[in-house]
Amino acid sequence: MPSRDDARFESYLKQFRPVASPPLPAEMSARPCRNWLLAAASLAAVAIVLIVAAFNLQVRSDRLSARPGARLGASAERVENPEPLTLCSANALLASAPSFKAAIDEVSFQPPKVPPAHGKTSALLVLSKEKSRL
């Protein structure tokens, strides 16, 4: 049996009418998104680094191909070129030499790049004159 309180509560629930909620604002903020600006700046920095690296590789390959010491028999030109021996230049020398022995001879008889100062001796010269006693 329904009690009087239950009947009163049911009548109260029947009075309930749902209210529609207001719509959410659809406006975007006036300032641009910082994440988009950060991504654009990062991409621009990466593009600049790649362009500079490509330019350096192009200049370096042009310098190696035009290097006078890369050709065998250019001993007079080799003295004028103070460029140090690197892996890249050694590979280019081995590729252009007629034999391995000729490439080694070309590398081994290069004059010293900087002569020692007056009254000084290079460590390599001292070590080459040392006699080892085994």
C-alpha atoms as a PDB file:
ATOM      1  CA  MET A   1       0.000   0.000   0.000  1.00  0.00           C
ATOM      2  CA  PRO A   2       1.300   3.351  -0.966  1.00  0.00           C
ATOM      3  CA  SER A   3       1.820   5.719   1.887  1.00  0.00           C
ATOM      4  CA  ARG A   4       0.926   9.339   1.863  1.00  0.00           C
ATOM      5  CA  ASP A   5       4.553  10.409   1.606  1.00  0.00           C
ATOM      6  CA  ASP A   6       5.085   8.184  -1.437  1.00  0.00           C
ATOM      7  CA  ALA A   7       2.099   9.723  -3.210  1.00  0.00           C
ATOM      8  CA  ARG A   8       3.343  13.204  -2.454  1.00  0.00           C
ATOM      9  CA  PHE A   9       6.856  12.330  -3.726  1.00  0.00           C
ATOM     10  CA  GLU A  10       5.425  10.874  -6.974  1.00  0.00           C
ATOM     11  CA  SER A  11       3.406  14.025  -7.586  1.00  0.00           C
ATOM     12  CA  TYR A  12       6.550  16.078  -6.994  1.00  0.00           C
ATOM     13  CA  LEU A  13       8.508  13.985  -9.543  1.00  0.00           C
ATOM     14  CA  LYS A  14       5.726  14.418 -12.128  1.00  0.00           C
ATOM     15  CA  GLN A  15       6.191  18.180 -11.918  1.00  0.00           C
ATOM     16  CA  PHE A  16       9.808  17.886 -13.127  1.00  0.00           C
ATOM     17  CA  ARG A  17      10.446  19.370 -16.557  1.00  0.00           C
ATOM     18  CA  PRO A  18      14.017  19.210 -17.990  1.00  0.00           C
ATOM     19  CA  VAL A  19      15.532  22.517 -19.060  1.00  0.00           C
ATOM     20  CA  ALA A  20      17.625  22.700 -22.250  1.00  0.00           C
ATOM     21  CA  SER A  21      21.205  23.750 -21.636  1.00  0.00           C
ATOM     22  CA  PRO A  22      22.627  26.723 -23.524  1.00  0.00           C
ATOM     23  CA  PRO A  23      24.902  25.857 -26.500  1.00  0.00           C
ATOM     24  CA  LEU A  24      28.672  25.871 -26.032  1.00  0.00           C
ATOM     25  CA  PRO A  25      30.509  28.897 -27.422  1.00  0.00           C
ATOM     26  CA  ALA A  26      31.876  28.143 -30.911  1.00  0.00           C
ATOM     27  CA  GLU A  27      34.198  31.140 -31.186  1.00  0.00           C
ATOM     28  CA  MET A  28      37.947  30.593 -31.488  1.00  0.00           C
ATOM     29  CA  SER A  29      40.369  32.718 -29.539  1.00  0.00           C
ATOM     30  CA  ALA A  30      41.898  35.670 -31.384  1.00  0.00           C
ATOM     31  CA  ARG A  31      45.555  34.714 -30.760  1.00  0.00           C
ATOM     32  CA  PRO A  32      47.153  31.945 -32.845  1.00  0.00           C
ATOM     33  CA  CYS A  33      48.007  28.595 -31.328  1.00  0.00           C
ATOM     34  CA  ARG A  34      51.541  28.470 -29.897  1.00  0.00           C
ATOM     35  CA  ASN A  35      52.038  24.853 -30.915  1.00  0.00           C
ATOM     36  CA  TRP A  36      51.573  25.755 -34.574  1.00  0.00           C
ATOM     37  CA  LEU A  37      54.112  28.573 -34.317  1.00  0.00           C
ATOM     38  CA  LEU A  38      56.599  26.298 -32.579  1.00  0.00           C
ATOM     39  CA  ALA A  39      56.210  23.615 -35.254  1.00  0.00           C
ATOM     40  CA  ALA A  40      56.664  26.167 -38.061  1.00  0.00           C
ATOM     41  CA  ALA A  41      59.790  27.613 -36.415  1.00  0.00           C
ATOM     42  CA  SER A  42      61.248  24.123 -35.936  1.00  0.00           C
ATOM     43  CA  LEU A  43      60.634  23.196 -39.564  1.00  0.00           C
ATOM     44  CA  ALA A  44      62.232  26.440 -40.737  1.00  0.00           C
ATOM     45  CA  ALA A  45      65.317  25.793 -38.586  1.00  0.00           C
ATOM     46  CA  VAL A  46      65.660  22.232 -39.920  1.00  0.00           C
ATOM     47  CA  ALA A  47      65.333  23.498 -43.503  1.00  0.00           C
ATOM     48  CA  ILE A  48      68.064  26.094 -42.943  1.00  0.00           C
ATOM     49  CA  VAL A  49      70.411  23.502 -41.430  1.00  0.00           C
ATOM     50  CA  LEU A  50      69.840  21.144 -44.381  1.00  0.00           C
ATOM     51  CA  ILE A  51      70.481  23.918 -46.920  1.00  0.00           C
ATOM     52  CA  VAL A  52      73.729  24.956 -45.199  1.00  0.00           C
ATOM     53  CA  ALA A  53      74.887  21.319 -44.987  1.00  0.00           C
ATOM     54  CA  ALA A  54      74.146  20.732 -48.681  1.00  0.00           C
ATOM     55  CA  PHE A  55      76.011  23.921 -49.602  1.00  0.00           C
ATOM     56  CA  ASN A  56      79.053  22.860 -47.525  1.00  0.00           C
ATOM     57  CA  LEU A  57      79.103  19.410 -49.131  1.00  0.00           C
ATOM     58  CA  GLN A  58      78.915  20.967 -52.591  1.00  0.00           C
ATOM     59  CA  VAL A  59      81.769  23.378 -51.859  1.00  0.00           C
ATOM     60  CA  ARG A  60      83.890  20.620 -50.323  1.00  0.00           C
ATOM     61  CA  SER A  61      83.371  18.275 -53.290  1.00  0.00           C
ATOM     62  CA  ASP A  62      84.233  21.103 -55.705  1.00  0.00           C
ATOM     63  CA  ARG A  63      87.395  21.846 -53.730  1.00  0.00           C
ATOM     64  CA  LEU A  64      88.468  18.176 -53.758  1.00  0.00           C
ATOM     65  CA  SER A  65      87.875  17.762 -57.477  1.00  0.00           C
ATOM     66  CA  ALA A  66      89.840  20.947 -58.262  1.00  0.00           C
ATOM     67  CA  ARG A  67      92.680  20.141 -55.846  1.00  0.00           C
ATOM     68  CA  PRO A  68      95.988  20.135 -57.718  1.00  0.00           C
ATOM     69  CA  GLY A  69      97.654  17.657 -55.338  1.00  0.00           C
ATOM     70  CA  ALA A  70      95.044  15.009 -56.150  1.00  0.00           C
ATOM     71  CA  ARG A  71      96.752  14.308 -59.464  1.00  0.00           C
ATOM     72  CA  LEU A  72      99.942  12.255 -59.536  1.00  0.00           C
ATOM     73  CA  GLY A  73     103.061  13.898 -60.903  1.00  0.00           C
ATOM     74  CA  ALA A  74     102.065  17.328 -59.630  1.00  0.00           C
ATOM     75  CA  SER A  75     104.871  17.648 -57.087  1.00  0.00           C
ATOM     76  CA  ALA A  76     105.489  21.348 -57.810  1.00  0.00           C
ATOM     77  CA  GLU A  77     101.805  22.112 -57.274  1.00  0.00           C
ATOM     78  CA  ARG A  78     101.714  19.963 -54.143  1.00  0.00           C
ATOM     79  CA  VAL A  79     104.197  22.216 -52.342  1.00  0.00           C
ATOM     80  CA  GLU A  80     101.902  25.218 -52.892  1.00  0.00           C
ATOM     81  CA  ASN A  81      98.837  23.417 -51.501  1.00  0.00           C
ATOM     82  CA  PRO A  82      98.995  23.373 -47.664  1.00  0.00           C
ATOM     83  CA  GLU A  83      95.791  21.309 -47.282  1.00  0.00           C
ATOM     84  CA  PRO A  84      96.219  18.514 -44.685  1.00  0.00           C
ATOM     85  CA  LEU A  85      95.677  14.874 -45.557  1.00  0.00           C
ATOM     86  CA  THR A  86      92.210  13.693 -44.560  1.00  0.00           C
ATOM     87  CA  LEU A  87      90.338  10.444 -45.091  1.00  0.00           C
ATOM     88  CA  CYS A  88      88.361  12.023 -47.917  1.00  0.00           C
ATOM     89  CA  SER A  89      91.439  13.322 -49.717  1.00  0.00           C
ATOM     90  CA  ALA A  90      93.252   9.993 -49.170  1.00  0.00           C
ATOM     91  CA  ASN A  91      90.307   8.129 -50.716  1.00  0.00           C
ATOM     92  CA  ALA A  92      90.327  10.516 -53.675  1.00  0.00           C
ATOM     93  CA  LEU A  93      94.082   9.995 -54.068  1.00  0.00           C
ATOM     94  CA  LEU A  94      93.707   6.205 -53.965  1.00  0.00           C
ATOM     95  CA  ALA A  95      90.898   6.355 -56.520  1.00  0.00           C
ATOM     96  CA  SER A  96      92.901   8.466 -58.958  1.00  0.00           C
ATOM     97  CA  ALA A  97      96.294   6.729 -58.513  1.00  0.00           C
ATOM     98  CA  PRO A  98      97.353   4.058 -61.023  1.00  0.00           C
ATOM     99  CA  SER A  99      98.482   1.762 -58.186  1.00  0.00           C
ATOM    100  CA  PHE A 100      98.495   1.563 -54.414  1.00  0.00           C
ATOM    101  CA  LYS A 101     102.272   2.011 -54.314  1.00  0.00           C
ATOM    102  CA  ALA A 102     102.080   5.209 -56.365  1.00  0.00           C
ATOM    103  CA  ALA A 103      99.424   6.621 -54.013  1.00  0.00           C
ATOM    104  CA  ILE A 104     101.508   5.798 -50.926  1.00  0.00           C
ATOM    105  CA  ASP A 105     104.591   7.361 -52.529  1.00  0.00           C
ATOM    106  CA  GLU A 106     102.581  10.497 -53.271  1.00  0.00           C
ATOM    107  CA  VAL A 107     101.444  10.779 -49.653  1.00  0.00           C
ATOM    108  CA  SER A 108     104.706   9.807 -47.942  1.00  0.00           C
ATOM    109  CA  PHE A 109     106.973  12.348 -49.608  1.00  0.00           C
ATOM    110  CA  GLN A 110     104.985  15.482 -48.873  1.00  0.00           C
ATOM    111  CA  PRO A 111     107.069  18.290 -47.379  1.00  0.00           C
ATOM    112  CA  PRO A 112     106.281  19.404 -43.813  1.00  0.00           C
ATOM    113  CA  LYS A 113     103.455  21.930 -43.670  1.00  0.00           C
ATOM    114  CA  VAL A 114     104.983  24.256 -41.063  1.00  0.00           C
ATOM    115  CA  PRO A 115     108.736  24.249 -40.468  1.00  0.00           C
ATOM    116  CA  PRO A 116     109.747  24.286 -36.809  1.00  0.00           C
ATOM    117  CA  ALA A 117     110.779  27.635 -35.352  1.00  0.00           C
ATOM    118  CA  HIS A 118     114.473  28.583 -35.208  1.00  0.00           C
ATOM    119  CA  GLY A 119     116.200  26.673 -32.415  1.00  0.00           C
ATOM    120  CA  LYS A 120     113.318  24.191 -31.989  1.00  0.00           C
ATOM    121  CA  THR A 121     113.128  20.554 -33.062  1.00  0.00           C
ATOM    122  CA  SER A 122     110.010  18.611 -33.916  1.00  0.00           C
ATOM    123  CA  ALA A 123     109.137  15.589 -31.790  1.00  0.00           C
ATOM    124  CA  LEU A 124     108.831  13.434 -34.895  1.00  0.00           C
ATOM    125  CA  LEU A 125     112.404  14.304 -35.935  1.00  0.00           C
ATOM    126  CA  VAL A 126     113.738  13.412 -32.479  1.00  0.00           C
ATOM    127  CA  LEU A 127     111.846  10.113 -32.425  1.00  0.00           C
ATOM    128  CA  SER A 128     113.042   9.196 -35.919  1.00  0.00           C
ATOM    129  CA  LYS A 129     116.686   9.594 -34.859  1.00  0.00           C
ATOM    130  CA  GLU A 130     116.290   7.564 -31.666  1.00  0.00           C
ATOM    131  CA  LYS A 131     117.834   4.105 -31.700  1.00  0.00           C
ATOM    132  CA  SER A 132     115.801   1.492 -29.924  1.00  0.00           C
ATOM    133  CA  ARG A 133     117.610  -1.208 -27.944  1.00  0.00           C
ATOM    134  CA  LEU A 134     115.563  -4.352 -27.712  1.00  0.00           C
END
